Amino acid sequence: MTVCNSEASKKLFEASSPIYSSYAVYSEDTLRLWKLDPTTSLSEMFSYLKGQCKKSTSYEYKIEFKGTFILKDPENTLDEAEVSENDYMFIEVREQGKGWNFQGENAPQIDKCDFCNKYEELSIKCGCKKVKISFSCILLMLKRLLIAQKNVNTEIKDIMR
């Protein structure tokens, strides 16, 4: 996670090329911008994050961000995103093969699919609220069910002869 002022955020927000660090190349799908709620100080936010991380029993953090998710849109300016010079911006970096750590309104979530165990944006949630499955896996499951049903129908026809 990185925190920067609005001028540095502007350069990142408007960048169209990948961002490089000494460790990796970050593509658009591994970076998200968050604006800290102006009523929360930076030290309060860091204390909150530290507390949330200590509560977790794994490294799969799900932390409600105290602020606003900023949708990256090349057509959108910082003024249109309501980012001012005094705002603190957090840059969330998602590790390859993992989900996002911050949650918030209008922020897409990537989680582990309970069917294939891959990290994807999950659009389907079971009514039990315990199972999450990607759309592609739902289609795969339906395809397998249709093939199984076809095989059963063929076996029944063979028995009836």
N, C-alpha and C. Protein backbone atom coordinates (compact mmCIF):
# COMPACT_ATOMS: atom_id res chain seq x y z
N MET A 1 0.84 -1.16 0.00
CA MET A 1 0.00 0.00 0.00
C MET A 1 0.88 1.23 0.00
N THR A 2 0.46 2.23 -0.72
CA THR A 2 1.20 3.47 -0.81
C THR A 2 0.24 4.61 -0.51
N VAL A 3 0.73 5.61 0.17
CA VAL A 3 -0.06 6.82 0.41
C VAL A 3 0.68 7.96 -0.27
N CYS A 4 -0.06 8.79 -0.98
CA CYS A 4 0.60 9.92 -1.62
C CYS A 4 -0.31 11.11 -1.61
N ASN A 5 0.25 12.29 -1.86
CA ASN A 5 -0.56 13.49 -1.92
C ASN A 5 -1.23 13.59 -3.29
N SER A 6 -2.04 14.59 -3.46
CA SER A 6 -2.84 14.69 -4.68
C SER A 6 -2.02 14.88 -5.94
N GLU A 7 -0.90 15.59 -5.88
CA GLU A 7 -0.09 15.81 -7.08
C GLU A 7 0.48 14.48 -7.58
N ALA A 8 1.00 13.66 -6.67
CA ALA A 8 1.52 12.34 -7.06
C ALA A 8 0.38 11.45 -7.53
N SER A 9 -0.78 11.57 -6.89
CA SER A 9 -1.94 10.78 -7.29
C SER A 9 -2.38 11.15 -8.70
N LYS A 10 -2.30 12.45 -9.01
CA LYS A 10 -2.72 12.91 -10.34
C LYS A 10 -1.87 12.24 -11.41
N LYS A 11 -0.56 12.16 -11.18
CA LYS A 11 0.33 11.54 -12.15
C LYS A 11 0.00 10.06 -12.33
N LEU A 12 -0.30 9.37 -11.22
CA LEU A 12 -0.64 7.95 -11.29
C LEU A 12 -2.01 7.77 -11.94
N PHE A 13 -2.97 8.59 -11.51
CA PHE A 13 -4.35 8.47 -11.96
C PHE A 13 -4.46 8.66 -13.46
N GLU A 14 -3.66 9.58 -14.00
CA GLU A 14 -3.74 9.90 -15.41
C GLU A 14 -2.76 9.09 -16.26
N ALA A 15 -1.96 8.25 -15.62
CA ALA A 15 -0.97 7.45 -16.36
C ALA A 15 -1.67 6.39 -17.19
N SER A 16 -1.17 6.21 -18.39
CA SER A 16 -1.75 5.16 -19.24
C SER A 16 -0.80 3.98 -19.39
N SER A 17 0.43 4.14 -18.91
CA SER A 17 1.40 3.06 -19.03
C SER A 17 1.53 2.33 -17.70
N PRO A 18 2.09 1.12 -17.70
CA PRO A 18 2.27 0.39 -16.46
C PRO A 18 3.20 1.12 -15.50
N ILE A 19 3.04 0.84 -14.22
CA ILE A 19 3.86 1.47 -13.19
C ILE A 19 4.93 0.46 -12.79
N TYR A 20 6.16 0.92 -12.70
CA TYR A 20 7.28 0.04 -12.39
C TYR A 20 7.78 0.29 -10.97
N SER A 21 8.16 -0.74 -10.31
CA SER A 21 8.85 -0.61 -9.03
C SER A 21 10.10 -1.48 -9.14
N SER A 22 10.88 -1.52 -8.09
CA SER A 22 12.09 -2.35 -8.13
C SER A 22 11.76 -3.83 -8.10
N TYR A 23 10.51 -4.19 -7.81
CA TYR A 23 10.15 -5.60 -7.68
C TYR A 23 9.28 -6.11 -8.82
N ALA A 24 8.42 -5.27 -9.35
CA ALA A 24 7.47 -5.80 -10.33
C ALA A 24 6.92 -4.69 -11.21
N VAL A 25 6.20 -5.11 -12.24
CA VAL A 25 5.44 -4.19 -13.07
C VAL A 25 3.99 -4.33 -12.65
N TYR A 26 3.37 -3.20 -12.35
CA TYR A 26 1.98 -3.22 -11.93
C TYR A 26 1.10 -2.80 -13.09
N SER A 27 0.15 -3.62 -13.41
CA SER A 27 -0.77 -3.28 -14.49
C SER A 27 -2.04 -2.69 -13.87
N GLU A 28 -2.90 -2.20 -14.73
CA GLU A 28 -4.11 -1.52 -14.29
C GLU A 28 -4.97 -2.40 -13.39
N ASP A 29 -5.01 -3.69 -13.65
CA ASP A 29 -5.87 -4.58 -12.86
C ASP A 29 -5.27 -4.95 -11.50
N THR A 30 -4.09 -4.45 -11.17
CA THR A 30 -3.50 -4.74 -9.86
C THR A 30 -3.38 -3.48 -8.99
N LEU A 31 -3.89 -2.35 -9.47
CA LEU A 31 -3.84 -1.11 -8.70
C LEU A 31 -5.22 -0.49 -8.58
N ARG A 32 -5.50 0.01 -7.37
CA ARG A 32 -6.75 0.76 -7.16
C ARG A 32 -6.44 2.00 -6.34
N LEU A 33 -7.22 3.05 -6.55
CA LEU A 33 -7.07 4.29 -5.81
C LEU A 33 -8.21 4.47 -4.82
N TRP A 34 -7.84 4.94 -3.64
CA TRP A 34 -8.81 5.23 -2.59
C TRP A 34 -8.52 6.62 -2.04
N LYS A 35 -9.57 7.38 -1.76
CA LYS A 35 -9.42 8.69 -1.13
C LYS A 35 -9.84 8.56 0.33
N LEU A 36 -8.94 8.93 1.23
CA LEU A 36 -9.22 8.87 2.65
C LEU A 36 -10.29 9.89 3.01
N ASP A 37 -11.23 9.46 3.85
CA ASP A 37 -12.27 10.36 4.33
C ASP A 37 -11.59 11.54 5.03
N PRO A 38 -11.95 12.78 4.66
CA PRO A 38 -11.28 13.94 5.25
C PRO A 38 -11.46 14.06 6.76
N THR A 39 -12.46 13.39 7.32
CA THR A 39 -12.66 13.44 8.77
C THR A 39 -11.77 12.45 9.51
N THR A 40 -11.04 11.61 8.77
CA THR A 40 -10.12 10.64 9.37
C THR A 40 -8.69 11.10 9.12
N SER A 41 -7.91 11.20 10.20
CA SER A 41 -6.51 11.60 10.03
C SER A 41 -5.69 10.42 9.53
N LEU A 42 -4.52 10.73 9.00
CA LEU A 42 -3.64 9.68 8.50
C LEU A 42 -3.21 8.74 9.62
N SER A 43 -2.90 9.28 10.79
CA SER A 43 -2.49 8.43 11.92
C SER A 43 -3.65 7.56 12.41
N GLU A 44 -4.88 8.08 12.38
CA GLU A 44 -6.05 7.27 12.75
C GLU A 44 -6.24 6.12 11.77
N MET A 45 -6.03 6.41 10.50
CA MET A 45 -6.20 5.38 9.47
C MET A 45 -5.15 4.28 9.64
N PHE A 46 -3.90 4.67 9.88
CA PHE A 46 -2.86 3.65 10.06
C PHE A 46 -3.12 2.81 11.31
N SER A 47 -3.59 3.43 12.38
CA SER A 47 -3.93 2.68 13.60
C SER A 47 -5.09 1.71 13.32
N TYR A 48 -6.09 2.20 12.57
CA TYR A 48 -7.23 1.36 12.20
C TYR A 48 -6.78 0.15 11.37
N LEU A 49 -5.92 0.41 10.36
CA LEU A 49 -5.44 -0.67 9.50
C LEU A 49 -4.62 -1.68 10.30
N LYS A 50 -3.77 -1.19 11.18
CA LYS A 50 -2.95 -2.07 12.01
C LYS A 50 -3.84 -2.95 12.89
N GLY A 51 -4.87 -2.36 13.48
CA GLY A 51 -5.81 -3.11 14.31
C GLY A 51 -6.56 -4.17 13.52
N GLN A 52 -7.00 -3.82 12.31
CA GLN A 52 -7.73 -4.76 11.46
C GLN A 52 -6.84 -5.94 11.06
N CYS A 53 -5.59 -5.64 10.76
CA CYS A 53 -4.65 -6.70 10.37
C CYS A 53 -4.35 -7.63 11.54
N LYS A 54 -4.25 -7.07 12.74
CA LYS A 54 -3.99 -7.90 13.92
C LYS A 54 -5.16 -8.83 14.23
N LYS A 55 -6.38 -8.39 13.91
CA LYS A 55 -7.59 -9.20 14.17
C LYS A 55 -7.68 -10.40 13.23
N SER A 56 -7.07 -10.29 12.07
CA SER A 56 -7.20 -11.33 11.05
C SER A 56 -6.37 -12.56 11.41
N THR A 57 -6.91 -13.72 11.06
CA THR A 57 -6.19 -14.97 11.29
C THR A 57 -5.44 -15.44 10.05
N SER A 58 -5.54 -14.66 8.96
CA SER A 58 -4.83 -15.02 7.73
C SER A 58 -4.31 -13.74 7.08
N TYR A 59 -3.69 -13.90 5.93
CA TYR A 59 -3.23 -12.74 5.18
C TYR A 59 -4.23 -12.33 4.11
N GLU A 60 -5.40 -12.91 4.15
CA GLU A 60 -6.49 -12.55 3.23
C GLU A 60 -7.35 -11.49 3.93
N TYR A 61 -6.86 -10.26 3.95
CA TYR A 61 -7.55 -9.19 4.67
C TYR A 61 -8.79 -8.73 3.91
N LYS A 62 -9.82 -8.41 4.65
CA LYS A 62 -11.03 -7.79 4.12
C LYS A 62 -11.32 -6.59 5.01
N ILE A 63 -10.78 -5.45 4.63
CA ILE A 63 -10.84 -4.25 5.46
C ILE A 63 -11.76 -3.22 4.81
N GLU A 64 -12.75 -2.79 5.56
CA GLU A 64 -13.64 -1.73 5.09
C GLU A 64 -12.84 -0.43 5.09
N PHE A 65 -12.67 0.17 3.91
CA PHE A 65 -11.86 1.38 3.80
C PHE A 65 -12.65 2.58 4.28
N LYS A 66 -11.99 3.43 5.07
CA LYS A 66 -12.62 4.65 5.58
C LYS A 66 -12.41 5.77 4.56
N GLY A 67 -13.18 5.70 3.53
CA GLY A 67 -13.06 6.69 2.46
C GLY A 67 -13.80 6.23 1.23
N THR A 68 -13.34 6.70 0.08
CA THR A 68 -14.05 6.49 -1.18
C THR A 68 -13.16 5.77 -2.19
N PHE A 69 -13.74 4.79 -2.86
CA PHE A 69 -13.07 4.12 -3.97
C PHE A 69 -13.13 5.05 -5.17
N ILE A 70 -11.98 5.25 -5.83
CA ILE A 70 -11.91 6.11 -7.02
C ILE A 70 -11.76 5.21 -8.24
N LEU A 71 -12.77 5.20 -9.07
CA LEU A 71 -12.75 4.40 -10.29
C LEU A 71 -11.78 5.01 -11.28
N LYS A 72 -10.83 4.20 -11.77
CA LYS A 72 -9.85 4.70 -12.74
C LYS A 72 -10.54 4.80 -14.10
N ASP A 73 -10.56 6.02 -14.60
CA ASP A 73 -11.21 6.29 -15.86
C ASP A 73 -10.40 7.35 -16.60
N PRO A 74 -9.83 7.00 -17.76
CA PRO A 74 -8.99 7.97 -18.48
C PRO A 74 -9.75 9.25 -18.85
N GLU A 75 -11.06 9.17 -18.93
CA GLU A 75 -11.87 10.34 -19.28
C GLU A 75 -12.15 11.22 -18.05
N ASN A 76 -11.91 10.70 -16.86
CA ASN A 76 -12.23 11.37 -15.61
C ASN A 76 -11.01 12.13 -15.09
N THR A 77 -11.20 13.38 -14.70
CA THR A 77 -10.10 14.15 -14.11
C THR A 77 -10.19 14.04 -12.58
N LEU A 78 -9.14 14.50 -11.90
CA LEU A 78 -9.17 14.49 -10.44
C LEU A 78 -10.27 15.41 -9.91
N ASP A 79 -10.52 16.51 -10.60
CA ASP A 79 -11.60 17.40 -10.18
C ASP A 79 -12.94 16.69 -10.26
N GLU A 80 -13.15 15.96 -11.34
CA GLU A 80 -14.40 15.21 -11.51
C GLU A 80 -14.51 14.09 -10.48
N ALA A 81 -13.38 13.55 -10.05
CA ALA A 81 -13.37 12.50 -9.03
C ALA A 81 -13.43 13.11 -7.62
N GLU A 82 -13.53 14.43 -7.56
CA GLU A 82 -13.63 15.18 -6.30
C GLU A 82 -12.42 14.94 -5.39
N VAL A 83 -11.23 14.99 -5.99
CA VAL A 83 -9.98 14.87 -5.25
C VAL A 83 -9.36 16.26 -5.20
N SER A 84 -9.10 16.73 -3.97
CA SER A 84 -8.51 18.06 -3.81
C SER A 84 -7.05 17.95 -3.39
N GLU A 85 -6.38 19.07 -3.36
CA GLU A 85 -4.96 19.11 -3.05
C GLU A 85 -4.64 18.59 -1.65
N ASN A 86 -5.57 18.73 -0.71
CA ASN A 86 -5.33 18.32 0.67
C ASN A 86 -5.76 16.89 0.98
N ASP A 87 -6.30 16.19 0.00
CA ASP A 87 -6.76 14.81 0.23
C ASP A 87 -5.58 13.85 0.24
N TYR A 88 -5.73 12.81 1.04
CA TYR A 88 -4.75 11.71 1.04
C TYR A 88 -5.30 10.59 0.19
N MET A 89 -4.45 10.11 -0.72
CA MET A 89 -4.83 9.02 -1.61
C MET A 89 -4.05 7.78 -1.22
N PHE A 90 -4.74 6.64 -1.18
CA PHE A 90 -4.11 5.36 -0.92
C PHE A 90 -4.11 4.58 -2.22
N ILE A 91 -2.98 4.00 -2.54
CA ILE A 91 -2.87 3.15 -3.72
C ILE A 91 -2.80 1.72 -3.23
N GLU A 92 -3.82 0.96 -3.55
CA GLU A 92 -3.87 -0.44 -3.14
C GLU A 92 -3.25 -1.29 -4.24
N VAL A 93 -2.31 -2.13 -3.87
CA VAL A 93 -1.64 -3.02 -4.82
C VAL A 93 -2.08 -4.44 -4.52
N ARG A 94 -2.68 -5.08 -5.51
CA ARG A 94 -3.14 -6.46 -5.35
C ARG A 94 -2.05 -7.40 -5.84
N GLU A 95 -1.68 -8.34 -4.97
CA GLU A 95 -0.70 -9.34 -5.37
C GLU A 95 -1.31 -10.29 -6.39
N GLN A 96 -0.50 -10.74 -7.33
CA GLN A 96 -0.95 -11.69 -8.34
C GLN A 96 -1.49 -12.94 -7.65
N GLY A 97 -2.65 -13.40 -8.07
CA GLY A 97 -3.22 -14.62 -7.50
C GLY A 97 -3.89 -14.41 -6.16
N LYS A 98 -4.18 -13.17 -5.79
CA LYS A 98 -4.85 -12.87 -4.51
C LYS A 98 -5.96 -11.87 -4.75
N GLY A 99 -6.77 -11.68 -3.73
CA GLY A 99 -7.87 -10.73 -3.82
C GLY A 99 -7.47 -9.35 -3.30
N TRP A 100 -8.41 -8.41 -3.38
CA TRP A 100 -8.19 -7.06 -2.86
C TRP A 100 -8.30 -7.07 -1.35
N ASN A 101 -7.56 -6.21 -0.67
CA ASN A 101 -7.63 -6.10 0.78
C ASN A 101 -8.70 -5.12 1.25
N PHE A 102 -8.91 -4.04 0.49
CA PHE A 102 -9.89 -3.04 0.89
C PHE A 102 -11.24 -3.33 0.26
N GLN A 103 -12.27 -3.03 1.03
CA GLN A 103 -13.64 -3.14 0.54
C GLN A 103 -14.31 -1.80 0.72
N GLY A 104 -15.27 -1.53 -0.13
CA GLY A 104 -16.03 -0.29 -0.02
C GLY A 104 -17.10 -0.24 -1.07
N GLU A 105 -17.97 0.72 -0.92
CA GLU A 105 -19.08 0.88 -1.85
C GLU A 105 -18.56 1.11 -3.27
N ASN A 106 -19.13 0.40 -4.22
CA ASN A 106 -18.80 0.49 -5.66
C ASN A 106 -17.42 -0.04 -6.02
N ALA A 107 -16.73 -0.67 -5.10
CA ALA A 107 -15.41 -1.23 -5.40
C ALA A 107 -15.57 -2.69 -5.79
N PRO A 108 -15.12 -3.07 -6.99
CA PRO A 108 -15.22 -4.48 -7.38
C PRO A 108 -14.35 -5.35 -6.48
N GLN A 109 -14.81 -6.56 -6.22
CA GLN A 109 -14.06 -7.47 -5.36
C GLN A 109 -13.59 -8.69 -6.14
N ILE A 110 -12.39 -9.10 -5.86
CA ILE A 110 -11.84 -10.33 -6.43
C ILE A 110 -11.64 -11.27 -5.26
N ASP A 111 -12.19 -12.46 -5.37
CA ASP A 111 -12.10 -13.46 -4.32
C ASP A 111 -11.77 -14.81 -4.93
N LYS A 112 -11.51 -15.77 -4.07
CA LYS A 112 -11.22 -17.11 -4.54
C LYS A 112 -12.54 -17.83 -4.85
N CYS A 113 -12.62 -18.37 -6.05
CA CYS A 113 -13.78 -19.15 -6.46
C CYS A 113 -13.76 -20.47 -5.70
N ASP A 114 -14.87 -20.83 -5.09
CA ASP A 114 -14.93 -22.08 -4.33
C ASP A 114 -15.00 -23.31 -5.22
N PHE A 115 -15.16 -23.11 -6.53
CA PHE A 115 -15.20 -24.25 -7.45
C PHE A 115 -13.83 -24.54 -8.04
N CYS A 116 -13.16 -23.49 -8.55
CA CYS A 116 -11.87 -23.71 -9.23
C CYS A 116 -10.66 -23.22 -8.42
N ASN A 117 -10.91 -22.53 -7.32
CA ASN A 117 -9.87 -21.99 -6.44
C ASN A 117 -9.01 -20.91 -7.09
N LYS A 118 -9.46 -20.32 -8.19
CA LYS A 118 -8.75 -19.20 -8.81
C LYS A 118 -9.34 -17.89 -8.28
N TYR A 119 -8.53 -16.84 -8.30
CA TYR A 119 -9.00 -15.53 -7.87
C TYR A 119 -9.59 -14.80 -9.07
N GLU A 120 -10.86 -14.48 -8.97
CA GLU A 120 -11.58 -13.79 -10.04
C GLU A 120 -12.62 -12.88 -9.42
N GLU A 121 -13.17 -12.00 -10.26
CA GLU A 121 -14.30 -11.21 -9.80
C GLU A 121 -15.50 -12.16 -9.73
N LEU A 122 -16.05 -12.30 -8.55
CA LEU A 122 -17.13 -13.26 -8.34
C LEU A 122 -18.48 -12.56 -8.42
N SER A 123 -19.28 -12.99 -9.37
CA SER A 123 -20.57 -12.35 -9.57
C SER A 123 -21.71 -13.18 -8.99
N ILE A 124 -21.46 -14.42 -8.62
CA ILE A 124 -22.51 -15.31 -8.14
C ILE A 124 -22.22 -15.70 -6.70
N LYS A 125 -23.19 -15.46 -5.83
CA LYS A 125 -23.05 -15.87 -4.44
C LYS A 125 -24.21 -16.79 -4.10
N CYS A 126 -23.89 -17.89 -3.46
CA CYS A 126 -24.90 -18.86 -3.08
C CYS A 126 -25.79 -18.26 -1.99
N GLY A 127 -27.02 -18.72 -1.94
CA GLY A 127 -27.96 -18.25 -0.92
C GLY A 127 -27.49 -18.53 0.50
N CYS A 128 -26.64 -19.55 0.67
CA CYS A 128 -26.13 -19.88 2.00
C CYS A 128 -25.09 -18.87 2.49
N LYS A 129 -24.64 -17.99 1.59
CA LYS A 129 -23.64 -16.96 1.88
C LYS A 129 -22.27 -17.53 2.26
N LYS A 130 -22.05 -18.80 2.01
CA LYS A 130 -20.76 -19.44 2.33
C LYS A 130 -19.97 -19.78 1.07
N VAL A 131 -20.66 -19.90 -0.06
CA VAL A 131 -20.02 -20.32 -1.30
C VAL A 131 -20.07 -19.18 -2.30
N LYS A 132 -18.92 -18.91 -2.95
CA LYS A 132 -18.83 -17.89 -3.99
C LYS A 132 -18.24 -18.54 -5.23
N ILE A 133 -18.89 -18.32 -6.37
CA ILE A 133 -18.47 -18.98 -7.61
C ILE A 133 -18.44 -17.97 -8.74
N SER A 134 -17.42 -18.09 -9.58
CA SER A 134 -17.31 -17.19 -10.74
C SER A 134 -18.33 -17.59 -11.80
N PHE A 135 -18.66 -16.65 -12.67
CA PHE A 135 -19.63 -16.90 -13.73
C PHE A 135 -19.13 -17.99 -14.67
N SER A 136 -17.83 -17.97 -14.98
CA SER A 136 -17.29 -18.98 -15.90
C SER A 136 -17.41 -20.38 -15.29
N CYS A 137 -17.26 -20.50 -13.97
CA CYS A 137 -17.39 -21.81 -13.33
C CYS A 137 -18.85 -22.27 -13.28
N ILE A 138 -19.79 -21.33 -13.14
CA ILE A 138 -21.21 -21.69 -13.21
C ILE A 138 -21.52 -22.28 -14.58
N LEU A 139 -21.00 -21.64 -15.63
CA LEU A 139 -21.22 -22.16 -16.98
C LEU A 139 -20.61 -23.55 -17.14
N LEU A 140 -19.42 -23.75 -16.61
CA LEU A 140 -18.76 -25.06 -16.67
C LEU A 140 -19.58 -26.12 -15.93
N MET A 141 -20.09 -25.75 -14.75
CA MET A 141 -20.90 -26.70 -13.98
C MET A 141 -22.18 -27.06 -14.74
N LEU A 142 -22.82 -26.08 -15.36
CA LEU A 142 -24.04 -26.35 -16.14
C LEU A 142 -23.74 -27.26 -17.32
N LYS A 143 -22.62 -27.01 -17.98
CA LYS A 143 -22.21 -27.85 -19.12
C LYS A 143 -22.02 -29.30 -18.66
N ARG A 144 -21.35 -29.49 -17.52
CA ARG A 144 -21.13 -30.84 -16.98
C ARG A 144 -22.44 -31.50 -16.60
N LEU A 145 -23.36 -30.72 -16.03
CA LEU A 145 -24.68 -31.27 -15.66
C LEU A 145 -25.46 -31.71 -16.90
N LEU A 146 -25.40 -30.89 -17.96
CA LEU A 146 -26.10 -31.25 -19.19
C LEU A 146 -25.52 -32.51 -19.82
N ILE A 147 -24.19 -32.64 -19.79
CA ILE A 147 -23.55 -33.85 -20.32
C ILE A 147 -23.94 -35.06 -19.47
N ALA A 148 -23.94 -34.89 -18.16
CA ALA A 148 -24.32 -36.00 -17.26
C ALA A 148 -25.78 -36.39 -17.50
N GLN A 149 -26.65 -35.40 -17.66
CA GLN A 149 -28.07 -35.69 -17.90
C GLN A 149 -28.24 -36.42 -19.23
N LYS A 150 -27.51 -36.02 -20.24
CA LYS A 150 -27.58 -36.68 -21.54
C LYS A 150 -27.13 -38.14 -21.42
N ASN A 151 -26.05 -38.37 -20.66
CA ASN A 151 -25.56 -39.75 -20.46
C ASN A 151 -26.58 -40.59 -19.71
N VAL A 152 -27.23 -40.00 -18.70
CA VAL A 152 -28.26 -40.75 -17.94
C VAL A 152 -29.43 -41.08 -18.85
N ASN A 153 -29.87 -40.12 -19.65
CA ASN A 153 -30.98 -40.36 -20.57
C ASN A 153 -30.65 -41.48 -21.55
N THR A 154 -29.41 -41.51 -22.05
CA THR A 154 -28.97 -42.56 -22.97
C THR A 154 -29.00 -43.91 -22.28
N GLU A 155 -28.51 -43.97 -21.04
CA GLU A 155 -28.52 -45.23 -20.27
C GLU A 155 -29.94 -45.72 -20.01
N ILE A 156 -30.86 -44.81 -19.71
CA ILE A 156 -32.26 -45.19 -19.47
C ILE A 156 -32.87 -45.75 -20.74
N LYS A 157 -32.59 -45.12 -21.88
CA LYS A 157 -33.12 -45.60 -23.15
C LYS A 157 -32.57 -47.00 -23.44
N ASP A 158 -31.29 -47.23 -23.16
CA ASP A 158 -30.69 -48.56 -23.38
C ASP A 158 -31.34 -49.61 -22.50
N ILE A 159 -31.64 -49.25 -21.26
CA ILE A 159 -32.27 -50.21 -20.34
C ILE A 159 -33.69 -50.52 -20.78
N MET A 160 -34.40 -49.55 -21.30
CA MET A 160 -35.78 -49.72 -21.71
C MET A 160 -35.92 -50.57 -22.96
N ARG A 161 -34.86 -50.73 -23.71
CA ARG A 161 -34.94 -51.53 -24.95
C ARG A 161 -35.05 -52.97 -24.67
